[in-house]
């Protein structure tokens, strides 16, 4: 059988290897770290993947390091054992009614003003958050006749 020759001849230049480009100078560690800092790598490149991996490691590993705290742990103290009633105070804050048994003080305490204020602030913190100012308070009884603290507070 006769050998088959292509209909279109292949030019001699196309079969030759592509000429080599000049070698790029090696980058220093400082240059690489600066490019990481300024995030100059395109998405999908090796260095981009390294940066994303380092960020994910930081997010997921640092909470496991002993002594590292972001301050976002739940309070070790349990919440109130009774419902807390919160009523708006005409735009001046809130009136919080908390059961006397949920406050760490006796209802008829002789404790100093600052101690009572701190105990009441701690008792209403589960519903108001920790950024609250206690203005004043009084003792009363709820509809079932149980003793309660009524606390006027605002942010």
N, C-alpha and C. Protein backbone atom coordinates (compact mmCIF):
# COMPACT_ATOMS: atom_id res chain seq x y z
N UNK A 1 0.82 -1.17 0.00
CA UNK A 1 0.00 0.00 0.00
C UNK A 1 0.87 1.24 0.00
N UNK A 2 0.36 2.22 -0.70
CA UNK A 2 1.14 3.45 -0.71
C UNK A 2 0.99 4.18 0.62
N UNK A 3 2.04 4.84 1.05
CA UNK A 3 1.98 5.61 2.30
C UNK A 3 1.13 6.85 2.09
N UNK A 4 0.45 7.19 3.12
CA UNK A 4 -0.46 8.34 3.05
C UNK A 4 0.30 9.59 3.43
N UNK A 5 0.22 10.60 2.62
CA UNK A 5 0.85 11.87 2.93
C UNK A 5 -0.24 12.90 3.17
N UNK A 6 -0.02 13.78 4.12
CA UNK A 6 -1.06 14.76 4.41
C UNK A 6 -1.28 15.69 3.23
N UNK A 7 -2.52 16.14 3.11
CA UNK A 7 -2.88 17.03 2.02
C UNK A 7 -2.23 18.39 2.20
N UNK A 8 -2.11 18.81 3.46
CA UNK A 8 -1.49 20.11 3.72
C UNK A 8 -0.13 19.85 4.32
N UNK A 9 0.90 20.33 3.71
CA UNK A 9 2.22 20.11 4.28
C UNK A 9 2.40 20.93 5.56
N UNK A 10 3.07 20.33 6.55
CA UNK A 10 3.35 21.01 7.81
C UNK A 10 4.58 21.88 7.61
N UNK A 11 4.42 23.18 7.91
CA UNK A 11 5.59 24.04 7.74
C UNK A 11 6.69 23.63 8.73
N UNK A 12 7.88 23.80 8.31
CA UNK A 12 9.03 23.41 9.10
C UNK A 12 9.10 24.22 10.40
N UNK A 13 8.70 25.49 10.38
CA UNK A 13 8.80 26.35 11.55
C UNK A 13 7.83 25.93 12.65
N UNK A 14 6.65 25.41 12.30
CA UNK A 14 5.64 25.05 13.29
C UNK A 14 6.06 23.85 14.12
N UNK A 15 6.89 23.00 13.61
CA UNK A 15 7.30 21.83 14.35
C UNK A 15 8.46 22.11 15.29
N UNK A 16 9.05 23.29 15.19
CA UNK A 16 10.18 23.63 16.06
C UNK A 16 9.67 24.06 17.43
N UNK A 17 10.48 23.92 18.45
CA UNK A 17 10.12 24.31 19.81
C UNK A 17 10.00 25.82 19.92
N UNK A 18 9.14 26.26 20.86
CA UNK A 18 8.95 27.69 21.09
C UNK A 18 10.22 28.21 21.75
N UNK A 19 10.72 29.36 21.30
CA UNK A 19 11.93 29.89 21.92
C UNK A 19 11.70 30.23 23.38
N UNK A 20 12.69 30.02 24.21
CA UNK A 20 12.61 30.28 25.66
C UNK A 20 12.65 31.78 25.92
N UNK A 21 11.80 32.21 26.89
CA UNK A 21 11.83 33.61 27.29
C UNK A 21 12.92 33.79 28.32
N UNK A 22 13.25 35.05 28.56
CA UNK A 22 14.29 35.32 29.55
C UNK A 22 13.80 34.90 30.92
N UNK A 23 14.67 34.37 31.73
CA UNK A 23 14.31 33.93 33.07
C UNK A 23 14.02 35.15 33.95
N UNK A 24 12.90 35.07 34.72
CA UNK A 24 12.54 36.15 35.63
C UNK A 24 13.43 36.08 36.86
N UNK A 25 13.86 37.22 37.39
CA UNK A 25 14.68 37.17 38.60
C UNK A 25 13.84 36.64 39.76
N UNK A 26 14.47 35.89 40.65
CA UNK A 26 13.77 35.33 41.81
C UNK A 26 13.39 36.44 42.76
N UNK A 27 12.17 36.31 43.33
CA UNK A 27 11.68 37.32 44.27
C UNK A 27 12.19 36.99 45.67
N UNK A 28 12.45 38.02 46.42
CA UNK A 28 12.92 37.80 47.79
C UNK A 28 11.73 37.46 48.69
N UNK A 29 12.03 36.95 49.86
CA UNK A 29 10.98 36.62 50.83
C UNK A 29 10.22 37.88 51.21
N UNK A 30 10.94 38.99 51.34
CA UNK A 30 10.30 40.26 51.70
C UNK A 30 9.28 40.67 50.63
N UNK A 31 9.64 40.52 49.37
CA UNK A 31 8.72 40.86 48.29
C UNK A 31 7.49 39.97 48.31
N UNK A 32 7.69 38.69 48.57
CA UNK A 32 6.56 37.76 48.63
C UNK A 32 5.63 38.11 49.80
N UNK A 33 6.21 38.40 50.97
CA UNK A 33 5.39 38.75 52.13
C UNK A 33 4.64 40.07 51.90
N UNK A 34 5.30 41.03 51.25
CA UNK A 34 4.61 42.28 50.95
C UNK A 34 3.45 42.04 49.97
N UNK A 35 3.66 41.18 48.99
CA UNK A 35 2.58 40.90 48.06
C UNK A 35 1.44 40.14 48.75
N UNK A 36 1.75 39.33 49.78
CA UNK A 36 0.70 38.70 50.58
C UNK A 36 -0.06 39.77 51.35
N UNK A 37 0.67 40.71 51.95
CA UNK A 37 0.04 41.75 52.75
C UNK A 37 -0.89 42.61 51.89
N UNK A 38 -0.45 42.98 50.70
CA UNK A 38 -1.26 43.81 49.82
C UNK A 38 -2.20 43.00 48.92
N UNK A 39 -2.19 41.66 49.08
CA UNK A 39 -3.12 40.75 48.39
C UNK A 39 -3.07 40.98 46.88
N UNK A 40 -1.89 40.81 46.30
CA UNK A 40 -1.71 41.11 44.88
C UNK A 40 -1.89 39.91 43.97
N UNK A 41 -2.13 38.74 44.52
CA UNK A 41 -2.23 37.54 43.69
C UNK A 41 -3.65 37.36 43.18
N UNK A 42 -3.75 36.83 41.98
CA UNK A 42 -5.07 36.63 41.39
C UNK A 42 -5.71 35.36 41.97
N UNK A 43 -7.00 35.32 41.91
CA UNK A 43 -7.77 34.21 42.44
C UNK A 43 -7.41 32.92 41.71
N UNK A 44 -7.25 31.85 42.45
CA UNK A 44 -6.93 30.57 41.86
C UNK A 44 -5.45 30.28 41.74
N UNK A 45 -4.62 31.28 42.05
CA UNK A 45 -3.18 31.04 41.99
C UNK A 45 -2.71 30.34 43.27
N UNK A 46 -1.53 29.80 43.23
CA UNK A 46 -0.99 29.09 44.39
C UNK A 46 -0.92 29.99 45.61
N UNK A 47 -0.37 31.20 45.44
CA UNK A 47 -0.20 32.11 46.57
C UNK A 47 -1.56 32.56 47.13
N UNK A 48 -2.54 32.74 46.29
CA UNK A 48 -3.89 33.09 46.75
C UNK A 48 -4.43 31.97 47.64
N UNK A 49 -4.26 30.73 47.20
CA UNK A 49 -4.71 29.59 48.00
C UNK A 49 -3.98 29.51 49.33
N UNK A 50 -2.71 29.84 49.35
CA UNK A 50 -1.94 29.85 50.60
C UNK A 50 -2.51 30.90 51.55
N UNK A 51 -2.81 32.10 51.04
CA UNK A 51 -3.34 33.16 51.89
C UNK A 51 -4.70 32.77 52.47
N UNK A 52 -5.57 32.22 51.66
CA UNK A 52 -6.90 31.81 52.13
C UNK A 52 -6.77 30.71 53.17
N UNK A 53 -5.86 29.77 52.95
CA UNK A 53 -5.64 28.69 53.91
C UNK A 53 -5.15 29.23 55.24
N UNK A 54 -4.24 30.20 55.22
CA UNK A 54 -3.74 30.80 56.46
C UNK A 54 -4.85 31.53 57.21
N UNK A 55 -5.71 32.21 56.49
CA UNK A 55 -6.82 32.91 57.14
C UNK A 55 -7.78 31.91 57.79
N UNK A 56 -8.12 30.85 57.07
CA UNK A 56 -9.01 29.84 57.64
C UNK A 56 -8.39 29.16 58.85
N UNK A 57 -7.09 28.88 58.78
CA UNK A 57 -6.41 28.29 59.94
C UNK A 57 -6.50 29.22 61.14
N UNK A 58 -6.28 30.51 60.92
CA UNK A 58 -6.36 31.49 62.01
C UNK A 58 -7.75 31.48 62.63
N UNK A 59 -8.78 31.47 61.80
CA UNK A 59 -10.15 31.53 62.31
C UNK A 59 -10.50 30.29 63.12
N UNK A 60 -10.10 29.11 62.63
CA UNK A 60 -10.54 27.88 63.29
C UNK A 60 -9.59 27.36 64.35
N UNK A 61 -8.33 27.75 64.34
CA UNK A 61 -7.36 27.20 65.29
C UNK A 61 -7.18 28.11 66.51
N UNK A 62 -7.21 29.44 66.34
CA UNK A 62 -6.94 30.31 67.48
C UNK A 62 -7.89 30.13 68.66
N UNK A 63 -9.18 29.86 68.46
CA UNK A 63 -10.02 29.64 69.64
C UNK A 63 -9.62 28.40 70.46
N UNK A 64 -8.88 27.48 69.85
CA UNK A 64 -8.46 26.27 70.55
C UNK A 64 -7.17 26.47 71.34
N UNK A 65 -6.47 27.56 71.11
CA UNK A 65 -5.20 27.82 71.79
C UNK A 65 -5.50 28.25 73.23
N UNK A 66 -4.90 27.57 74.22
CA UNK A 66 -5.15 27.96 75.62
C UNK A 66 -4.70 29.40 75.87
N UNK A 67 -5.52 30.15 76.56
CA UNK A 67 -5.19 31.53 76.89
C UNK A 67 -5.62 32.52 75.84
N UNK A 68 -6.04 32.07 74.67
CA UNK A 68 -6.50 32.97 73.62
C UNK A 68 -7.99 33.16 73.79
N UNK A 69 -8.42 34.38 73.99
CA UNK A 69 -9.83 34.61 74.24
C UNK A 69 -10.31 35.80 73.43
N UNK A 70 -11.41 35.63 72.73
CA UNK A 70 -12.04 36.74 72.03
C UNK A 70 -13.08 37.42 72.92
N UNK A 71 -13.28 36.91 74.12
CA UNK A 71 -14.25 37.50 75.04
C UNK A 71 -15.68 37.20 74.66
N UNK A 72 -15.92 36.16 73.89
CA UNK A 72 -17.28 35.87 73.45
C UNK A 72 -17.82 34.57 74.01
N UNK A 73 -17.29 34.17 75.14
CA UNK A 73 -17.76 32.94 75.77
C UNK A 73 -19.06 33.22 76.51
N UNK A 74 -19.95 32.26 76.59
CA UNK A 74 -21.17 32.47 77.35
C UNK A 74 -20.88 32.67 78.83
N UNK A 75 -21.75 33.37 79.48
CA UNK A 75 -21.60 33.64 80.90
C UNK A 75 -21.63 32.33 81.68
N UNK A 76 -20.71 32.15 82.64
CA UNK A 76 -20.74 30.92 83.42
C UNK A 76 -21.95 30.86 84.36
N UNK A 77 -22.54 32.01 84.61
CA UNK A 77 -23.72 32.07 85.47
C UNK A 77 -24.95 31.75 84.63
N UNK A 78 -25.79 30.89 85.13
CA UNK A 78 -27.00 30.55 84.40
C UNK A 78 -27.94 31.74 84.33
N UNK A 79 -28.89 31.67 83.45
CA UNK A 79 -29.86 32.74 83.30
C UNK A 79 -30.84 32.75 84.47
N UNK A 80 -31.80 33.63 84.40
CA UNK A 80 -32.78 33.72 85.49
C UNK A 80 -33.65 32.46 85.55
N UNK A 81 -34.08 32.13 86.75
CA UNK A 81 -34.93 30.95 86.90
C UNK A 81 -36.41 31.29 86.72
N UNK A 82 -36.73 32.57 86.68
CA UNK A 82 -38.11 33.02 86.48
C UNK A 82 -38.16 33.98 85.29
N UNK A 83 -39.34 34.14 84.69
CA UNK A 83 -39.46 35.10 83.58
C UNK A 83 -39.16 36.52 84.04
N UNK A 84 -38.60 37.31 83.15
CA UNK A 84 -38.31 38.72 83.42
C UNK A 84 -39.21 39.54 82.52
N UNK A 85 -39.89 40.53 83.09
CA UNK A 85 -40.78 41.38 82.33
C UNK A 85 -40.05 42.68 81.98
N UNK A 86 -40.11 43.07 80.71
CA UNK A 86 -39.48 44.30 80.25
C UNK A 86 -40.54 45.17 79.59
N UNK A 87 -40.67 46.39 80.08
CA UNK A 87 -41.66 47.34 79.56
C UNK A 87 -40.92 48.62 79.17
N UNK A 88 -41.30 49.19 78.02
CA UNK A 88 -40.71 50.46 77.60
C UNK A 88 -41.10 51.57 78.55
N UNK A 89 -40.22 52.56 78.70
CA UNK A 89 -40.45 53.67 79.61
C UNK A 89 -40.54 54.97 78.82
N UNK A 90 -41.48 55.05 77.88
CA UNK A 90 -41.72 56.25 77.07
C UNK A 90 -40.45 56.79 76.41
N UNK A 91 -39.64 55.90 75.85
CA UNK A 91 -38.44 56.32 75.16
C UNK A 91 -37.28 56.70 76.06
N UNK A 92 -37.47 56.58 77.35
CA UNK A 92 -36.40 56.93 78.30
C UNK A 92 -35.61 55.72 78.76
N UNK A 93 -35.95 54.55 78.26
CA UNK A 93 -35.29 53.33 78.68
C UNK A 93 -36.32 52.23 78.87
N UNK A 94 -36.07 51.39 79.84
CA UNK A 94 -36.97 50.27 80.11
C UNK A 94 -37.19 50.12 81.60
N UNK A 95 -38.31 49.51 81.92
CA UNK A 95 -38.57 49.11 83.31
C UNK A 95 -38.55 47.59 83.31
N UNK A 96 -37.62 47.03 84.05
CA UNK A 96 -37.43 45.59 84.09
C UNK A 96 -37.92 45.09 85.44
N UNK A 97 -38.83 44.11 85.40
CA UNK A 97 -39.33 43.50 86.63
C UNK A 97 -38.71 42.11 86.75
N UNK A 98 -37.96 41.90 87.81
CA UNK A 98 -37.25 40.65 88.01
C UNK A 98 -37.64 40.07 89.38
N UNK A 99 -37.81 38.77 89.44
CA UNK A 99 -38.18 38.12 90.70
C UNK A 99 -37.07 38.33 91.75
N UNK A 100 -37.45 38.52 92.96
CA UNK A 100 -36.49 38.75 94.04
C UNK A 100 -35.56 37.55 94.20
N UNK A 101 -36.04 36.36 93.91
CA UNK A 101 -35.20 35.17 94.05
C UNK A 101 -34.11 35.10 92.98
N UNK A 102 -34.23 35.87 91.90
CA UNK A 102 -33.22 35.90 90.84
C UNK A 102 -32.13 36.95 91.09
N UNK A 103 -32.28 37.71 92.14
CA UNK A 103 -31.29 38.73 92.51
C UNK A 103 -30.50 38.19 93.70
N UNK A 104 -29.20 38.43 93.68
CA UNK A 104 -28.34 37.86 94.72
C UNK A 104 -28.40 38.63 96.04
N UNK A 105 -29.40 39.45 96.22
CA UNK A 105 -29.57 40.22 97.46
C UNK A 105 -30.92 39.93 98.09
N UNK A 106 -30.98 40.15 99.41
CA UNK A 106 -32.26 40.07 100.11
C UNK A 106 -33.09 41.28 99.72
N UNK A 107 -34.40 41.12 99.66
CA UNK A 107 -35.29 42.20 99.25
C UNK A 107 -35.20 43.40 100.20
N UNK A 108 -34.95 43.15 101.46
CA UNK A 108 -34.85 44.23 102.45
C UNK A 108 -33.42 44.38 102.91
N UNK A 109 -32.51 44.54 101.98
CA UNK A 109 -31.09 44.59 102.29
C UNK A 109 -30.67 45.96 102.82
N UNK A 110 -29.62 45.94 103.59
CA UNK A 110 -29.00 47.18 104.06
C UNK A 110 -27.69 47.43 103.33
N UNK A 111 -27.51 46.77 102.20
CA UNK A 111 -26.26 46.90 101.43
C UNK A 111 -26.14 48.31 100.85
N UNK A 112 -24.92 48.75 100.64
CA UNK A 112 -24.72 50.08 100.04
C UNK A 112 -25.35 50.19 98.65
N UNK A 113 -25.61 51.41 98.24
CA UNK A 113 -26.24 51.71 96.96
C UNK A 113 -25.52 51.03 95.80
N UNK A 114 -24.20 51.12 95.76
CA UNK A 114 -23.41 50.56 94.65
C UNK A 114 -23.54 49.04 94.60
N UNK A 115 -23.63 48.38 95.73
CA UNK A 115 -23.75 46.92 95.76
C UNK A 115 -25.10 46.50 95.21
N UNK A 116 -26.16 47.18 95.61
CA UNK A 116 -27.51 46.86 95.13
C UNK A 116 -27.59 47.11 93.62
N UNK A 117 -27.03 48.23 93.18
CA UNK A 117 -27.05 48.58 91.76
C UNK A 117 -26.33 47.51 90.92
N UNK A 118 -25.19 47.06 91.43
CA UNK A 118 -24.42 46.04 90.70
C UNK A 118 -25.19 44.72 90.65
N UNK A 119 -25.81 44.32 91.76
CA UNK A 119 -26.57 43.06 91.80
C UNK A 119 -27.78 43.12 90.86
N UNK A 120 -28.47 44.26 90.82
CA UNK A 120 -29.63 44.40 89.94
C UNK A 120 -29.19 44.43 88.47
N UNK A 121 -28.11 45.10 88.20
CA UNK A 121 -27.58 45.14 86.82
C UNK A 121 -27.24 43.72 86.34
N UNK A 122 -26.63 42.95 87.22
CA UNK A 122 -26.28 41.57 86.87
C UNK A 122 -27.53 40.71 86.67
N UNK A 123 -28.57 40.98 87.45
CA UNK A 123 -29.81 40.19 87.34
C UNK A 123 -30.56 40.49 86.05
N UNK A 124 -30.50 41.74 85.56
CA UNK A 124 -31.25 42.09 84.34
C UNK A 124 -30.40 41.93 83.08
N UNK A 125 -29.13 41.64 83.22
CA UNK A 125 -28.21 41.53 82.08
C UNK A 125 -28.66 40.52 81.03
N UNK A 126 -29.26 39.36 81.40
CA UNK A 126 -29.68 38.42 80.34
C UNK A 126 -30.68 38.99 79.34
N UNK A 127 -31.46 40.00 79.72
CA UNK A 127 -32.43 40.56 78.79
C UNK A 127 -32.02 41.93 78.25
N UNK A 128 -31.16 42.65 78.95
CA UNK A 128 -30.78 43.99 78.51
C UNK A 128 -29.39 44.04 77.88
N UNK A 129 -28.60 43.03 78.10
CA UNK A 129 -27.21 43.08 77.65
C UNK A 129 -26.35 43.74 78.71
N UNK A 130 -25.04 43.77 78.47
CA UNK A 130 -24.16 44.30 79.52
C UNK A 130 -23.93 45.80 79.41
N UNK A 131 -24.45 46.44 78.36
CA UNK A 131 -24.26 47.87 78.19
C UNK A 131 -25.51 48.61 78.65
N UNK A 132 -25.79 48.56 79.94
CA UNK A 132 -27.00 49.17 80.48
C UNK A 132 -26.66 49.92 81.76
N UNK A 133 -27.37 51.01 81.99
CA UNK A 133 -27.18 51.82 83.19
C UNK A 133 -28.44 51.74 84.03
N UNK A 134 -28.30 51.33 85.28
CA UNK A 134 -29.43 51.23 86.20
C UNK A 134 -29.63 52.60 86.84
N UNK A 135 -30.81 53.20 86.61
CA UNK A 135 -31.11 54.53 87.16
C UNK A 135 -31.57 54.44 88.61
N UNK A 136 -32.68 53.71 88.82
CA UNK A 136 -33.18 53.52 90.18
C UNK A 136 -34.04 52.26 90.20
N UNK A 137 -34.52 51.91 91.39
CA UNK A 137 -35.29 50.68 91.56
C UNK A 137 -36.22 50.81 92.75
N UNK A 138 -37.15 49.87 92.80
CA UNK A 138 -38.03 49.77 93.96
C UNK A 138 -38.46 48.32 94.10
N UNK A 139 -38.96 47.98 95.27
CA UNK A 139 -39.46 46.62 95.49
C UNK A 139 -40.98 46.66 95.40
N UNK A 140 -41.54 45.55 94.95
CA UNK A 140 -42.99 45.46 94.80
C UNK A 140 -43.38 43.99 94.84
N UNK A 141 -44.63 43.71 94.55
CA UNK A 141 -45.09 42.32 94.42
C UNK A 141 -45.76 42.19 93.05
N UNK A 142 -45.64 40.99 92.46
CA UNK A 142 -46.27 40.76 91.16
C UNK A 142 -47.72 40.33 91.35
N UNK A 143 -48.40 39.96 90.28
CA UNK A 143 -49.82 39.60 90.33
C UNK A 143 -50.08 38.37 91.19
N UNK A 144 -49.08 37.49 91.34
CA UNK A 144 -49.23 36.29 92.17
C UNK A 144 -48.81 36.55 93.62
N UNK A 145 -48.43 37.78 93.93
CA UNK A 145 -48.05 38.12 95.30
C UNK A 145 -46.58 37.84 95.63
N UNK A 146 -45.78 37.48 94.64
CA UNK A 146 -44.35 37.22 94.88
C UNK A 146 -43.57 38.52 94.88
N UNK A 147 -42.53 38.61 95.72
CA UNK A 147 -41.73 39.84 95.76
C UNK A 147 -40.88 39.99 94.50
N UNK A 148 -40.81 41.22 93.98
CA UNK A 148 -40.04 41.51 92.77
C UNK A 148 -39.28 42.82 92.95
N UNK A 149 -38.26 42.98 92.14
CA UNK A 149 -37.54 44.24 92.01
C UNK A 149 -38.00 44.88 90.71
N UNK A 150 -38.37 46.16 90.74
CA UNK A 150 -38.64 46.91 89.51
C UNK A 150 -37.45 47.82 89.29
N UNK A 151 -36.81 47.66 88.13
CA UNK A 151 -35.56 48.36 87.86
C UNK A 151 -35.76 49.26 86.63
N UNK A 152 -35.46 50.57 86.78
CA UNK A 152 -35.50 51.49 85.67
C UNK A 152 -34.06 51.57 85.12
N UNK A 153 -33.94 51.29 83.83
CA UNK A 153 -32.61 51.25 83.22
C UNK A 153 -32.64 51.82 81.81
N UNK A 154 -31.49 52.22 81.33
CA UNK A 154 -31.36 52.70 79.94
C UNK A 154 -29.96 52.42 79.44
N UNK A 155 -29.79 52.53 78.13
CA UNK A 155 -28.47 52.32 77.50
C UNK A 155 -27.70 53.61 77.47
